[in-house]
Amino acid sequence: MNEALFITLAFLIMMAIIVVAVLYLERHW
């Protein structure tokens, strides 16, 4: 498995989770 690819995927997943969390908090603030 390519290490750079794994790091990129992990980074994108974390960014997606942060975006969803921020949108959820803004809606239910």
C-alpha atoms as a PDB file:
ATOM      1  CA  MET A   1       0.000   0.000   0.000  1.00  0.00           C
ATOM      2  CA  ASN A   2       1.284   3.449  -0.897  1.00  0.00           C
ATOM      3  CA  GLU A   3       1.981   5.432   2.260  1.00  0.00           C
ATOM      4  CA  ALA A   4       1.316   8.810   0.613  1.00  0.00           C
ATOM      5  CA  LEU A   5      -2.059   7.582  -0.657  1.00  0.00           C
ATOM      6  CA  PHE A   6      -3.030   6.339   2.811  1.00  0.00           C
ATOM      7  CA  ILE A   7      -2.065   9.690   4.386  1.00  0.00           C
ATOM      8  CA  THR A   8      -4.041  11.574   1.727  1.00  0.00           C
ATOM      9  CA  LEU A   9      -7.137   9.432   2.274  1.00  0.00           C
ATOM     10  CA  ALA A  10      -6.907   9.816   6.049  1.00  0.00           C
ATOM     11  CA  PHE A  11      -6.552  13.601   5.677  1.00  0.00           C
ATOM     12  CA  LEU A  12      -9.572  13.835   3.370  1.00  0.00           C
ATOM     13  CA  ILE A  13     -11.667  11.724   5.750  1.00  0.00           C
ATOM     14  CA  MET A  14     -10.735  13.920   8.724  1.00  0.00           C
ATOM     15  CA  MET A  15     -11.556  17.073   6.747  1.00  0.00           C
ATOM     16  CA  ALA A  16     -14.945  15.621   5.761  1.00  0.00           C
ATOM     17  CA  ILE A  17     -15.749  14.750   9.392  1.00  0.00           C
ATOM     18  CA  ILE A  18     -14.770  18.264  10.538  1.00  0.00           C
ATOM     19  CA  VAL A  19     -16.926  19.889   7.835  1.00  0.00           C
ATOM     20  CA  VAL A  20     -19.949  17.741   8.744  1.00  0.00           C
ATOM     21  CA  ALA A  21     -19.467  18.484  12.448  1.00  0.00           C
ATOM     22  CA  VAL A  22     -19.233  22.241  11.815  1.00  0.00           C
ATOM     23  CA  LEU A  23     -22.354  22.236   9.638  1.00  0.00           C
ATOM     24  CA  TYR A  24     -24.236  20.198  12.257  1.00  0.00           C
ATOM     25  CA  LEU A  25     -23.229  22.572  15.064  1.00  0.00           C
ATOM     26  CA  GLU A  26     -24.183  25.625  12.995  1.00  0.00           C
ATOM     27  CA  ARG A  27     -27.623  24.179  12.252  1.00  0.00           C
ATOM     28  CA  HIS A  28     -28.320  23.245  15.869  1.00  0.00           C
ATOM     29  CA  TRP A  29     -26.617  26.199  17.525  1.00  0.00           C
END
